[in-house]
Amino acid sequence: MTQLPIIDLRAPQREIAQQIADACKAHGFFYVIGHEVDESLALRLEWLSHQFFALP
């Protein structure tokens, strides 16, 4: 796989749970869509995570 799994929170709960379990087992990370979090907040979180992981 060349990209991380994308999990849509608008799907049925059983499907979401299985997708999260599969993504965690296979990759340890995944993208989430359909969460209704403001895009500017998500972009800030991404920026902050880059800053954090760039620390020595």
Protein backbone atom coordinates (compact mmCIF):
# COMPACT_ATOMS: atom_id res chain seq x y z
CA MET A 1 0.00 0.00 0.00
CA THR A 2 1.37 3.39 -0.96
CA GLN A 3 -0.99 5.52 1.14
CA LEU A 4 -2.61 5.44 4.54
CA PRO A 5 -6.15 4.11 4.89
CA ILE A 6 -8.97 6.67 4.90
CA ILE A 7 -11.79 6.06 7.38
CA ASP A 8 -15.12 7.81 6.86
CA LEU A 9 -16.95 8.37 10.15
CA ARG A 10 -20.25 8.63 8.28
CA ALA A 11 -20.16 4.85 7.61
CA PRO A 12 -21.96 2.34 9.85
CA GLN A 13 -20.27 1.89 13.25
CA ARG A 14 -19.35 -1.78 12.72
CA GLU A 15 -17.66 -0.91 9.45
CA ILE A 16 -15.76 1.98 11.06
CA ALA A 17 -14.58 -0.23 13.92
CA GLN A 18 -13.31 -2.91 11.54
CA GLN A 19 -11.56 -0.37 9.33
CA ILE A 20 -9.84 1.20 12.34
CA ALA A 21 -8.74 -2.20 13.63
CA ASP A 22 -7.39 -3.19 10.21
CA ALA A 23 -5.59 0.14 9.75
CA CYS A 24 -3.98 -0.04 13.18
CA LYS A 25 -2.77 -3.59 12.61
CA ALA A 26 -1.44 -2.92 9.13
CA HIS A 27 -0.11 0.63 9.41
CA GLY A 28 -0.53 2.08 12.88
CA PHE A 29 -1.97 5.25 11.36
CA PHE A 30 -4.96 6.31 9.27
CA TYR A 31 -6.79 9.36 7.97
CA VAL A 32 -10.28 10.23 9.20
CA ILE A 33 -12.91 12.04 7.13
CA GLY A 34 -16.52 12.86 7.88
CA HIS A 35 -15.66 14.11 11.38
CA GLU A 36 -16.99 17.67 10.98
CA VAL A 37 -13.88 19.21 12.58
CA ASP A 38 -13.19 22.69 11.20
CA GLU A 39 -10.56 22.51 8.46
CA SER A 40 -8.46 25.34 9.94
CA LEU A 41 -8.19 23.42 13.22
CA ALA A 42 -7.17 20.24 11.38
CA LEU A 43 -4.49 22.14 9.44
CA ARG A 44 -3.13 23.65 12.67
CA LEU A 45 -2.98 20.21 14.26
CA GLU A 46 -1.08 18.88 11.25
CA TRP A 47 1.39 21.77 11.45
CA LEU A 48 1.89 21.21 15.18
CA SER A 49 2.45 17.49 14.67
CA HIS A 50 5.17 18.24 12.12
CA GLN A 51 6.80 20.57 14.63
CA PHE A 52 6.62 17.92 17.35
CA PHE A 53 8.08 15.09 15.27
CA ALA A 54 10.89 17.37 14.06
CA LEU A 55 12.15 17.77 17.64
CA PRO A 56 15.48 16.10 18.47
